Amino acid sequence: MDLWNPLLEYSKSYNGLLNFYFIFRPAKKDIKDVKLVLSKNVKFNYPVFLDTLGEFEKLNPHLPKNKALHTFLLDENNNVILVGDPLHNKKIEEMFYKIVKEKLGKP
């Protein structure tokens, strides 16, 4: 989760207009470990949803199998406007900042 810190810090400059939500679907055998890790990370003050039943995937059957494409930037109407992981793809990261500035202005 620490990898997200730069983006999370950046979001604070938008005073609540740019929010992050995390949805995890751990394997059944890993649920306990994931809960333990999340409970120890007291500095992480963002919504985390543990989808132990796979409901998110059931409600969104169009999700690509490639997990690198399971990160989304949504607009104010919850429409997907960017797909991809800005932590592991420099081009996606650049697009993220560009889109946020276009939509919300400079922080």
PDB file of N, CA and C in Angstrom:
ATOM      1  N   MET A   1       0.824  -1.193   0.000  1.00  0.00           N
ATOM      2  CA  MET A   1       0.000   0.000   0.000  1.00  0.00           C
ATOM      3  C   MET A   1       0.870   1.260   0.000  1.00  0.00           C
ATOM      4  N   ASP A   2       2.070   1.144   0.531  1.00  0.00           N
ATOM      5  CA  ASP A   2       2.962   2.301   0.586  1.00  0.00           C
ATOM      6  C   ASP A   2       3.297   2.849  -0.795  1.00  0.00           C
ATOM      7  N   LEU A   3       3.247   1.997  -1.800  1.00  0.00           N
ATOM      8  CA  LEU A   3       3.541   2.460  -3.157  1.00  0.00           C
ATOM      9  C   LEU A   3       2.566   3.543  -3.614  1.00  0.00           C
ATOM     10  N   TRP A   4       1.384   3.532  -3.039  1.00  0.00           N
ATOM     11  CA  TRP A   4       0.359   4.499  -3.420  1.00  0.00           C
ATOM     12  C   TRP A   4       0.559   5.861  -2.752  1.00  0.00           C
ATOM     13  N   ASN A   5       1.444   5.955  -1.776  1.00  0.00           N
ATOM     14  CA  ASN A   5       1.587   7.194  -1.005  1.00  0.00           C
ATOM     15  C   ASN A   5       1.774   8.457  -1.844  1.00  0.00           C
ATOM     16  N   PRO A   6       2.631   8.464  -2.873  1.00  0.00           N
ATOM     17  CA  PRO A   6       2.758   9.708  -3.656  1.00  0.00           C
ATOM     18  C   PRO A   6       1.439  10.163  -4.294  1.00  0.00           C
ATOM     19  N   LEU A   7       0.679   9.235  -4.836  1.00  0.00           N
ATOM     20  CA  LEU A   7      -0.606   9.610  -5.442  1.00  0.00           C
ATOM     21  C   LEU A   7      -1.627  10.015  -4.382  1.00  0.00           C
ATOM     22  N   LEU A   8      -1.601   9.334  -3.257  1.00  0.00           N
ATOM     23  CA  LEU A   8      -2.531   9.674  -2.184  1.00  0.00           C
ATOM     24  C   LEU A   8      -2.224  11.057  -1.622  1.00  0.00           C
ATOM     25  N   GLU A   9      -0.948  11.369  -1.470  1.00  0.00           N
ATOM     26  CA  GLU A   9      -0.552  12.700  -0.997  1.00  0.00           C
ATOM     27  C   GLU A   9      -0.979  13.767  -2.007  1.00  0.00           C
ATOM     28  N   TYR A  10      -0.782  13.485  -3.283  1.00  0.00           N
ATOM     29  CA  TYR A  10      -1.188  14.410  -4.338  1.00  0.00           C
ATOM     30  C   TYR A  10      -2.692  14.672  -4.264  1.00  0.00           C
ATOM     31  N   SER A  11      -3.464  13.633  -4.008  1.00  0.00           N
ATOM     32  CA  SER A  11      -4.924  13.784  -3.962  1.00  0.00           C
ATOM     33  C   SER A  11      -5.365  14.734  -2.856  1.00  0.00           C
ATOM     34  N   LYS A  12      -4.607  14.809  -1.779  1.00  0.00           N
ATOM     35  CA  LYS A  12      -4.965  15.698  -0.664  1.00  0.00           C
ATOM     36  C   LYS A  12      -4.998  17.159  -1.094  1.00  0.00           C
ATOM     37  N   SER A  13      -4.193  17.504  -2.095  1.00  0.00           N
ATOM     38  CA  SER A  13      -4.152  18.893  -2.548  1.00  0.00           C
ATOM     39  C   SER A  13      -5.448  19.304  -3.250  1.00  0.00           C
ATOM     40  N   TYR A  14      -6.317  18.348  -3.532  1.00  0.00           N
ATOM     41  CA  TYR A  14      -7.604  18.639  -4.170  1.00  0.00           C
ATOM     42  C   TYR A  14      -8.760  18.696  -3.164  1.00  0.00           C
ATOM     43  N   ASN A  15      -8.428  18.691  -1.888  1.00  0.00           N
ATOM     44  CA  ASN A  15      -9.420  18.905  -0.823  1.00  0.00           C
ATOM     45  C   ASN A  15     -10.699  18.091  -0.984  1.00  0.00           C
ATOM     46  N   GLY A  16     -10.552  16.797  -1.167  1.00  0.00           N
ATOM     47  CA  GLY A  16     -11.711  15.912  -1.220  1.00  0.00           C
ATOM     48  C   GLY A  16     -12.325  15.725  -2.595  1.00  0.00           C
ATOM     49  N   LEU A  17     -11.807  16.395  -3.613  1.00  0.00           N
ATOM     50  CA  LEU A  17     -12.349  16.233  -4.965  1.00  0.00           C
ATOM     51  C   LEU A  17     -11.769  15.027  -5.693  1.00  0.00           C
ATOM     52  N   LEU A  18     -10.631  14.523  -5.220  1.00  0.00           N
ATOM     53  CA  LEU A  18      -9.971  13.367  -5.827  1.00  0.00           C
ATOM     54  C   LEU A  18      -9.842  12.299  -4.750  1.00  0.00           C
ATOM     55  N   ASN A  19     -10.582  11.210  -4.918  1.00  0.00           N
ATOM     56  CA  ASN A  19     -10.637  10.172  -3.887  1.00  0.00           C
ATOM     57  C   ASN A  19     -10.160   8.833  -4.421  1.00  0.00           C
ATOM     58  N   PHE A  20      -9.675   8.017  -3.512  1.00  0.00           N
ATOM     59  CA  PHE A  20      -9.203   6.677  -3.848  1.00  0.00           C
ATOM     60  C   PHE A  20      -9.997   5.647  -3.064  1.00  0.00           C
ATOM     61  N   TYR A  21     -10.338   4.563  -3.725  1.00  0.00           N
ATOM     62  CA  TYR A  21     -11.015   3.424  -3.106  1.00  0.00           C
ATOM     63  C   TYR A  21     -10.278   2.171  -3.562  1.00  0.00           C
ATOM     64  N   PHE A  22     -10.069   1.256  -2.649  1.00  0.00           N
ATOM     65  CA  PHE A  22      -9.324   0.043  -2.963  1.00  0.00           C
ATOM     66  C   PHE A  22     -10.222  -1.164  -2.753  1.00  0.00           C
ATOM     67  N   ILE A  23     -10.281  -2.021  -3.751  1.00  0.00           N
ATOM     68  CA  ILE A  23     -11.066  -3.251  -3.675  1.00  0.00           C
ATOM     69  C   ILE A  23     -10.106  -4.411  -3.870  1.00  0.00           C
ATOM     70  N   PHE A  24     -10.057  -5.283  -2.883  1.00  0.00           N
ATOM     71  CA  PHE A  24      -9.203  -6.466  -2.958  1.00  0.00           C
ATOM     72  C   PHE A  24     -10.069  -7.709  -2.982  1.00  0.00           C
ATOM     73  N   ARG A  25      -9.654  -8.657  -3.785  1.00  0.00           N
ATOM     74  CA  ARG A  25     -10.313  -9.958  -3.778  1.00  0.00           C
ATOM     75  C   ARG A  25      -9.252 -11.006  -3.475  1.00  0.00           C
ATOM     76  N   PRO A  26      -8.956 -11.171  -2.193  1.00  0.00           N
ATOM     77  CA  PRO A  26      -7.922 -12.151  -1.836  1.00  0.00           C
ATOM     78  C   PRO A  26      -8.434 -13.576  -1.997  1.00  0.00           C
ATOM     79  N   ALA A  27      -7.497 -14.478  -2.247  1.00  0.00           N
ATOM     80  CA  ALA A  27      -7.848 -15.899  -2.260  1.00  0.00           C
ATOM     81  C   ALA A  27      -8.333 -16.267  -0.864  1.00  0.00           C
ATOM     82  N   LYS A  28      -9.213 -17.234  -0.789  1.00  0.00           N
ATOM     83  CA  LYS A  28      -9.806 -17.624   0.486  1.00  0.00           C
ATOM     84  C   LYS A  28      -8.737 -17.896   1.549  1.00  0.00           C
ATOM     85  N   LYS A  29      -7.660 -18.558   1.139  1.00  0.00           N
ATOM     86  CA  LYS A  29      -6.603 -18.912   2.082  1.00  0.00           C
ATOM     87  C   LYS A  29      -5.818 -17.690   2.568  1.00  0.00           C
ATOM     88  N   ASP A  30      -5.926 -16.546   1.868  1.00  0.00           N
ATOM     89  CA  ASP A  30      -5.158 -15.347   2.207  1.00  0.00           C
ATOM     90  C   ASP A  30      -5.958 -14.284   2.950  1.00  0.00           C
ATOM     91  N   ILE A  31      -7.239 -14.484   3.127  1.00  0.00           N
ATOM     92  CA  ILE A  31      -8.099 -13.454   3.722  1.00  0.00           C
ATOM     93  C   ILE A  31      -7.589 -13.022   5.092  1.00  0.00           C
ATOM     94  N   LYS A  32      -7.261 -13.974   5.922  1.00  0.00           N
ATOM     95  CA  LYS A  32      -6.793 -13.653   7.270  1.00  0.00           C
ATOM     96  C   LYS A  32      -5.518 -12.803   7.223  1.00  0.00           C
ATOM     97  N   ASP A  33      -4.584 -13.177   6.358  1.00  0.00           N
ATOM     98  CA  ASP A  33      -3.327 -12.435   6.231  1.00  0.00           C
ATOM     99  C   ASP A  33      -3.561 -11.018   5.713  1.00  0.00           C
ATOM    100  N   VAL A  34      -4.441 -10.874   4.735  1.00  0.00           N
ATOM    101  CA  VAL A  34      -4.742  -9.553   4.183  1.00  0.00           C
ATOM    102  C   VAL A  34      -5.356  -8.667   5.262  1.00  0.00           C
ATOM    103  N   LYS A  35      -6.278  -9.204   6.027  1.00  0.00           N
ATOM    104  CA  LYS A  35      -6.891  -8.434   7.113  1.00  0.00           C
ATOM    105  C   LYS A  35      -5.848  -8.006   8.133  1.00  0.00           C
ATOM    106  N   LEU A  36      -4.921  -8.890   8.437  1.00  0.00           N
ATOM    107  CA  LEU A  36      -3.867  -8.577   9.399  1.00  0.00           C
ATOM    108  C   LEU A  36      -2.986  -7.440   8.884  1.00  0.00           C
ATOM    109  N   VAL A  37      -2.575  -7.522   7.637  1.00  0.00           N
ATOM    110  CA  VAL A  37      -1.732  -6.473   7.048  1.00  0.00           C
ATOM    111  C   VAL A  37      -2.465  -5.136   7.052  1.00  0.00           C
ATOM    112  N   LEU A  38      -3.721  -5.140   6.660  1.00  0.00           N
ATOM    113  CA  LEU A  38      -4.497  -3.900   6.624  1.00  0.00           C
ATOM    114  C   LEU A  38      -4.714  -3.323   8.018  1.00  0.00           C
ATOM    115  N   SER A  39      -4.914  -4.178   8.998  1.00  0.00           N
ATOM    116  CA  SER A  39      -5.147  -3.690  10.360  1.00  0.00           C
ATOM    117  C   SER A  39      -3.889  -3.079  10.966  1.00  0.00           C
ATOM    118  N   LYS A  40      -2.721  -3.526  10.527  1.00  0.00           N
ATOM    119  CA  LYS A  40      -1.462  -2.994  11.058  1.00  0.00           C
ATOM    120  C   LYS A  40      -1.067  -1.683  10.394  1.00  0.00           C
ATOM    121  N   ASN A  41      -1.655  -1.380   9.273  1.00  0.00           N
ATOM    122  CA  ASN A  41      -1.305  -0.169   8.538  1.00  0.00           C
ATOM    123  C   ASN A  41      -2.209   0.974   8.997  1.00  0.00           C
ATOM    124  N   VAL A  42      -1.950   1.472  10.207  1.00  0.00           N
ATOM    125  CA  VAL A  42      -2.822   2.479  10.814  1.00  0.00           C
ATOM    126  C   VAL A  42      -2.748   3.835  10.114  1.00  0.00           C
ATOM    127  N   LYS A  43      -1.704   4.078   9.343  1.00  0.00           N
ATOM    128  CA  LYS A  43      -1.574   5.353   8.640  1.00  0.00           C
ATOM    129  C   LYS A  43      -2.415   5.396   7.365  1.00  0.00           C
ATOM    130  N   PHE A  44      -2.956   4.278   6.961  1.00  0.00           N
ATOM    131  CA  PHE A  44      -3.701   4.203   5.708  1.00  0.00           C
ATOM    132  C   PHE A  44      -5.166   4.518   5.973  1.00  0.00           C
ATOM    133  N   ASN A  45      -5.566   5.749   5.657  1.00  0.00           N
ATOM    134  CA  ASN A  45      -6.922   6.216   5.963  1.00  0.00           C
ATOM    135  C   ASN A  45      -7.800   6.328   4.723  1.00  0.00           C
ATOM    136  N   TYR A  46      -7.804   5.290   3.919  1.00  0.00           N
ATOM    137  CA  TYR A  46      -8.601   5.288   2.697  1.00  0.00           C
ATOM    138  C   TYR A  46      -9.507   4.063   2.699  1.00  0.00           C
ATOM    139  N   PRO A  47     -10.664   4.155   2.060  1.00  0.00           N
ATOM    140  CA  PRO A  47     -11.582   3.013   2.056  1.00  0.00           C
ATOM    141  C   PRO A  47     -10.976   1.791   1.365  1.00  0.00           C
ATOM    142  N   VAL A  48     -11.043   0.674   2.065  1.00  0.00           N
ATOM    143  CA  VAL A  48     -10.576  -0.605   1.533  1.00  0.00           C
ATOM    144  C   VAL A  48     -11.727  -1.590   1.654  1.00  0.00           C
ATOM    145  N   PHE A  49     -12.073  -2.214   0.553  1.00  0.00           N
ATOM    146  CA  PHE A  49     -13.142  -3.202   0.531  1.00  0.00           C
ATOM    147  C   PHE A  49     -12.541  -4.569   0.247  1.00  0.00           C
ATOM    148  N   LEU A  50     -12.827  -5.524   1.109  1.00  0.00           N
ATOM    149  CA  LEU A  50     -12.405  -6.902   0.881  1.00  0.00           C
ATOM    150  C   LEU A  50     -13.579  -7.638   0.259  1.00  0.00           C
ATOM    151  N   ASP A  51     -13.444  -7.949  -0.987  1.00  0.00           N
ATOM    152  CA  ASP A  51     -14.509  -8.610  -1.741  1.00  0.00           C
ATOM    153  C   ASP A  51     -14.268 -10.119  -1.701  1.00  0.00           C
ATOM    154  N   THR A  52     -14.594 -10.722  -0.591  1.00  0.00           N
ATOM    155  CA  THR A  52     -14.305 -12.146  -0.390  1.00  0.00           C
ATOM    156  C   THR A  52     -15.196 -13.059  -1.231  1.00  0.00           C
ATOM    157  N   LEU A  53     -16.299 -12.531  -1.752  1.00  0.00           N
ATOM    158  CA  LEU A  53     -17.219 -13.345  -2.553  1.00  0.00           C
ATOM    159  C   LEU A  53     -17.099 -13.076  -4.054  1.00  0.00           C
ATOM    160  N   GLY A  54     -16.232 -12.146  -4.437  1.00  0.00           N
ATOM    161  CA  GLY A  54     -16.063 -11.842  -5.856  1.00  0.00           C
ATOM    162  C   GLY A  54     -17.225 -11.084  -6.461  1.00  0.00           C
ATOM    163  N   GLU A  55     -17.938 -10.329  -5.647  1.00  0.00           N
ATOM    164  CA  GLU A  55     -19.119  -9.602  -6.131  1.00  0.00           C
ATOM    165  C   GLU A  55     -18.764  -8.528  -7.159  1.00  0.00           C
ATOM    166  N   PHE A  56     -17.650  -7.832  -6.941  1.00  0.00           N
ATOM    167  CA  PHE A  56     -17.259  -6.780  -7.882  1.00  0.00           C
ATOM    168  C   PHE A  56     -17.067  -7.353  -9.282  1.00  0.00           C
ATOM    169  N   GLU A  57     -16.411  -8.483  -9.364  1.00  0.00           N
ATOM    170  CA  GLU A  57     -16.186  -9.125 -10.665  1.00  0.00           C
ATOM    171  C   GLU A  57     -17.503  -9.609 -11.274  1.00  0.00           C
ATOM    172  N   LYS A  58     -18.402 -10.119 -10.448  1.00  0.00           N
ATOM    173  CA  LYS A  58     -19.707 -10.570 -10.952  1.00  0.00           C
ATOM    174  C   LYS A  58     -20.511  -9.399 -11.516  1.00  0.00           C
ATOM    175  N   LEU A  59     -20.425  -8.251 -10.837  1.00  0.00           N
ATOM    176  CA  LEU A  59     -21.157  -7.068 -11.281  1.00  0.00           C
ATOM    177  C   LEU A  59     -20.496  -6.384 -12.476  1.00  0.00           C
ATOM    178  N   ASN A  60     -19.243  -6.729 -12.719  1.00  0.00           N
ATOM    179  CA  ASN A  60     -18.475  -6.130 -13.814  1.00  0.00           C
ATOM    180  C   ASN A  60     -17.815  -7.226 -14.649  1.00  0.00           C
ATOM    181  N   PRO A  61     -18.617  -8.024 -15.354  1.00  0.00           N
ATOM    182  CA  PRO A  61     -18.071  -9.171 -16.089  1.00  0.00           C
ATOM    183  C   PRO A  61     -17.136  -8.781 -17.236  1.00  0.00           C
ATOM    184  N   HIS A  62     -17.148  -7.526 -17.620  1.00  0.00           N
ATOM    185  CA  HIS A  62     -16.301  -7.044 -18.709  1.00  0.00           C
ATOM    186  C   HIS A  62     -14.864  -6.762 -18.264  1.00  0.00           C
ATOM    187  N   LEU A  63     -14.568  -6.914 -16.971  1.00  0.00           N
ATOM    188  CA  LEU A  63     -13.205  -6.668 -16.486  1.00  0.00           C
ATOM    189  C   LEU A  63     -12.208  -7.536 -17.242  1.00  0.00           C
ATOM    190  N   PRO A  64     -11.113  -6.944 -17.686  1.00  0.00           N
ATOM    191  CA  PRO A  64     -10.110  -7.757 -18.378  1.00  0.00           C
ATOM    192  C   PRO A  64      -9.433  -8.723 -17.412  1.00  0.00           C
ATOM    193  N   LYS A  65      -8.945  -9.824 -17.934  1.00  0.00           N
ATOM    194  CA  LYS A  65      -8.236 -10.810 -17.103  1.00  0.00           C
ATOM    195  C   LYS A  65      -6.890 -10.267 -16.629  1.00  0.00           C
ATOM    196  N   ASN A  66      -6.292  -9.388 -17.420  1.00  0.00           N
ATOM    197  CA  ASN A  66      -4.997  -8.805 -17.088  1.00  0.00           C
ATOM    198  C   ASN A  66      -5.136  -7.891 -15.868  1.00  0.00           C
ATOM    199  N   LYS A  67      -4.543  -8.276 -14.754  1.00  0.00           N
ATOM    200  CA  LYS A  67      -4.677  -7.514 -13.510  1.00  0.00           C
ATOM    201  C   LYS A  67      -4.039  -6.129 -13.593  1.00  0.00           C
ATOM    202  N   ALA A  68      -3.122  -5.926 -14.539  1.00  0.00           N
ATOM    203  CA  ALA A  68      -2.532  -4.601 -14.739  1.00  0.00           C
ATOM    204  C   ALA A  68      -3.586  -3.600 -15.219  1.00  0.00           C
ATOM    205  N   LEU A  69      -4.721  -4.120 -15.681  1.00  0.00           N
ATOM    206  CA  LEU A  69      -5.811  -3.271 -16.159  1.00  0.00           C
ATOM    207  C   LEU A  69      -6.966  -3.218 -15.163  1.00  0.00           C
ATOM    208  N   HIS A  70      -6.680  -3.458 -13.902  1.00  0.00           N
ATOM    209  CA  HIS A  70      -7.711  -3.433 -12.862  1.00  0.00           C
ATOM    210  C   HIS A  70      -7.636  -2.176 -12.004  1.00  0.00           C
ATOM    211  N   THR A  71      -7.030  -1.131 -12.524  1.00  0.00           N
ATOM    212  CA  THR A  71      -6.974   0.158 -11.841  1.00  0.00           C
ATOM    213  C   THR A  71      -7.683   1.158 -12.740  1.00  0.00           C
ATOM    214  N   PHE A  72      -8.623   1.910 -12.159  1.00  0.00           N
ATOM    215  CA  PHE A  72      -9.463   2.793 -12.961  1.00  0.00           C
ATOM    216  C   PHE A  72      -9.510   4.193 -12.375  1.00  0.00           C
ATOM    217  N   LEU A  73      -9.527   5.179 -13.253  1.00  0.00           N
ATOM    218  CA  LEU A  73      -9.820   6.553 -12.869  1.00  0.00           C
ATOM    219  C   LEU A  73     -11.228   6.828 -13.369  1.00  0.00           C
ATOM    220  N   LEU A  74     -12.090   7.237 -12.448  1.00  0.00           N
ATOM    221  CA  LEU A  74     -13.488   7.501 -12.786  1.00  0.00           C
ATOM    222  C   LEU A  74     -13.752   8.996 -12.768  1.00  0.00           C
ATOM    223  N   ASP A  75     -14.696   9.433 -13.583  1.00  0.00           N
ATOM    224  CA  ASP A  75     -15.089  10.839 -13.544  1.00  0.00           C
ATOM    225  C   ASP A  75     -16.181  11.035 -12.495  1.00  0.00           C
ATOM    226  N   GLU A  76     -16.718  12.233 -12.443  1.00  0.00           N
ATOM    227  CA  GLU A  76     -17.727  12.565 -11.432  1.00  0.00           C
ATOM    228  C   GLU A  76     -19.014  11.761 -11.592  1.00  0.00           C
ATOM    229  N   ASN A  77     -19.222  11.139 -12.758  1.00  0.00           N
ATOM    230  CA  ASN A  77     -20.401  10.302 -12.992  1.00  0.00           C
ATOM    231  C   ASN A  77     -20.085   8.816 -12.915  1.00  0.00           C
ATOM    232  N   ASN A  78     -18.916   8.493 -12.389  1.00  0.00           N
ATOM    233  CA  ASN A  78     -18.435   7.109 -12.254  1.00  0.00           C
ATOM    234  C   ASN A  78     -18.200   6.417 -13.591  1.00  0.00           C
ATOM    235  N   ASN A  79     -17.935   7.204 -14.626  1.00  0.00           N
ATOM    236  CA  ASN A  79     -17.533   6.641 -15.912  1.00  0.00           C
ATOM    237  C   ASN A  79     -16.024   6.433 -15.900  1.00  0.00           C
ATOM    238  N   VAL A  80     -15.581   5.327 -16.444  1.00  0.00           N
ATOM    239  CA  VAL A  80     -14.149   5.049 -16.520  1.00  0.00           C
ATOM    240  C   VAL A  80     -13.526   5.971 -17.566  1.00  0.00           C
ATOM    241  N   ILE A  81     -12.499   6.729 -17.158  1.00  0.00           N
ATOM    242  CA  ILE A  81     -11.828   7.627 -18.101  1.00  0.00           C
ATOM    243  C   ILE A  81     -10.345   7.280 -18.275  1.00  0.00           C
ATOM    244  N   LEU A  82      -9.842   6.350 -17.462  1.00  0.00           N
ATOM    245  CA  LEU A  82      -8.471   5.867 -17.624  1.00  0.00           C
ATOM    246  C   LEU A  82      -8.382   4.472 -17.028  1.00  0.00           C
ATOM    247  N   VAL A  83      -7.736   3.579 -17.753  1.00  0.00           N
ATOM    248  CA  VAL A  83      -7.541   2.202 -17.294  1.00  0.00           C
ATOM    249  C   VAL A  83      -6.051   1.920 -17.281  1.00  0.00           C
ATOM    250  N   GLY A  84      -5.568   1.397 -16.175  1.00  0.00           N
ATOM    251  CA  GLY A  84      -4.161   1.026 -16.081  1.00  0.00           C
ATOM    252  C   GLY A  84      -3.577   1.450 -14.750  1.00  0.00           C
ATOM    253  N   ASP A  85      -2.478   0.844 -14.395  1.00  0.00           N
ATOM    254  CA  ASP A  85      -1.844   1.056 -13.102  1.00  0.00           C
ATOM    255  C   ASP A  85      -0.770   2.138 -13.194  1.00  0.00           C
ATOM    256  N   PRO A  86      -1.012   3.316 -12.609  1.00  0.00           N
ATOM    257  CA  PRO A  86      -0.025   4.393 -12.681  1.00  0.00           C
ATOM    258  C   PRO A  86       1.242   4.105 -11.875  1.00  0.00           C
ATOM    259  N   LEU A  87       1.206   3.112 -11.022  1.00  0.00           N
ATOM    260  CA  LEU A  87       2.389   2.769 -10.227  1.00  0.00           C
ATOM    261  C   LEU A  87       3.418   1.999 -11.041  1.00  0.00           C
ATOM    262  N   HIS A  88       2.960   1.284 -12.039  1.00  0.00           N
ATOM    263  CA  HIS A  88       3.850   0.415 -12.801  1.00  0.00           C
ATOM    264  C   HIS A  88       3.923   0.758 -14.284  1.00  0.00           C
ATOM    265  N   ASN A  89       3.317   1.873 -14.654  1.00  0.00           N
ATOM    266  CA  ASN A  89       3.326   2.272 -16.056  1.00  0.00           C
ATOM    267  C   ASN A  89       3.458   3.794 -16.114  1.00  0.00           C
ATOM    268  N   LYS A  90       4.628   4.261 -16.506  1.00  0.00           N
ATOM    269  CA  LYS A  90       4.922   5.700 -16.513  1.00  0.00           C
ATOM    270  C   LYS A  90       3.951   6.472 -17.405  1.00  0.00           C
ATOM    271  N   LYS A  91       3.595   5.891 -18.534  1.00  0.00           N
ATOM    272  CA  LYS A  91       2.672   6.569 -19.452  1.00  0.00           C
ATOM    273  C   LYS A  91       1.288   6.746 -18.798  1.00  0.00           C
ATOM    274  N   ILE A  92       0.824   5.719 -18.109  1.00  0.00           N
ATOM    275  CA  ILE A  92      -0.462   5.811 -17.399  1.00  0.00           C
ATOM    276  C   ILE A  92      -0.365   6.853 -16.288  1.00  0.00           C
ATOM    277  N   GLU A  93       0.761   6.882 -15.588  1.00  0.00           N
ATOM    278  CA  GLU A  93       0.952   7.881 -14.529  1.00  0.00           C
ATOM    279  C   GLU A  93       0.863   9.301 -15.110  1.00  0.00           C
ATOM    280  N   GLU A  94       1.536   9.538 -16.219  1.00  0.00           N
ATOM    281  CA  GLU A  94       1.491  10.854 -16.862  1.00  0.00           C
ATOM    282  C   GLU A  94       0.068  11.201 -17.293  1.00  0.00           C
ATOM    283  N   MET A  95      -0.635  10.222 -17.846  1.00  0.00           N
ATOM    284  CA  MET A  95      -2.020  10.449 -18.267  1.00  0.00           C
ATOM    285  C   MET A  95      -2.905  10.748 -17.061  1.00  0.00           C
ATOM    286  N   PHE A  96      -2.661  10.055 -15.955  1.00  0.00           N
ATOM    287  CA  PHE A  96      -3.426  10.289 -14.727  1.00  0.00           C
ATOM    288  C   PHE A  96      -3.322  11.762 -14.320  1.00  0.00           C
ATOM    289  N   TYR A  97      -2.093  12.262 -14.191  1.00  0.00           N
ATOM    290  CA  TYR A  97      -1.901  13.653 -13.776  1.00  0.00           C
ATOM    291  C   TYR A  97      -2.505  14.630 -14.780  1.00  0.00           C
ATOM    292  N   LYS A  98      -2.364  14.339 -16.061  1.00  0.00           N
ATOM    293  CA  LYS A  98      -2.911  15.214 -17.102  1.00  0.00           C
ATOM    294  C   LYS A  98      -4.437  15.278 -17.009  1.00  0.00           C
ATOM    295  N   ILE A  99      -5.068  14.127 -16.880  1.00  0.00           N
ATOM    296  CA  ILE A  99      -6.533  14.082 -16.808  1.00  0.00           C
ATOM    297  C   ILE A  99      -7.040  14.770 -15.547  1.00  0.00           C
ATOM    298  N   VAL A 100      -6.394  14.515 -14.433  1.00  0.00           N
ATOM    299  CA  VAL A 100      -6.822  15.147 -13.175  1.00  0.00           C
ATOM    300  C   VAL A 100      -6.737  16.667 -13.301  1.00  0.00           C
ATOM    301  N   LYS A 101      -5.651  17.164 -13.863  1.00  0.00           N
ATOM    302  CA  LYS A 101      -5.509  18.622 -14.023  1.00  0.00           C
ATOM    303  C   LYS A 101      -6.554  19.179 -14.982  1.00  0.00           C
ATOM    304  N   GLU A 102      -6.863  18.435 -16.046  1.00  0.00           N
ATOM    305  CA  GLU A 102      -7.897  18.882 -16.990  1.00  0.00           C
ATOM    306  C   GLU A 102      -9.268  18.924 -16.325  1.00  0.00           C
ATOM    307  N   LYS A 103      -9.566  17.916 -15.510  1.00  0.00           N
ATOM    308  CA  LYS A 103     -10.889  17.811 -14.884  1.00  0.00           C
ATOM    309  C   LYS A 103     -11.044  18.724 -13.666  1.00  0.00           C
ATOM    310  N   LEU A 104      -9.977  18.822 -12.855  1.00  0.00           N
ATOM    311  CA  LEU A 104     -10.090  19.513 -11.566  1.00  0.00           C
ATOM    312  C   LEU A 104      -9.268  20.793 -11.477  1.00  0.00           C
ATOM    313  N   GLY A 105      -8.451  21.051 -12.476  1.00  0.00           N
ATOM    314  CA  GLY A 105      -7.559  22.206 -12.421  1.00  0.00           C
ATOM    315  C   GLY A 105      -6.284  21.863 -11.667  1.00  0.00           C
ATOM    316  N   LYS A 106      -5.421  22.843 -11.551  1.00  0.00           N
ATOM    317  CA  LYS A 106      -4.173  22.625 -10.817  1.00  0.00           C
ATOM    318  C   LYS A 106      -4.473  22.661  -9.328  1.00  0.00           C
ATOM    319  N   PRO A 107      -3.740  21.846  -8.561  1.00  0.00           N
ATOM    320  CA  PRO A 107      -4.008  21.845  -7.100  1.00  0.00           C
ATOM    321  C   PRO A 107      -3.633  23.162  -6.453  1.00  0.00           C
TER     322      PRO A 107
END
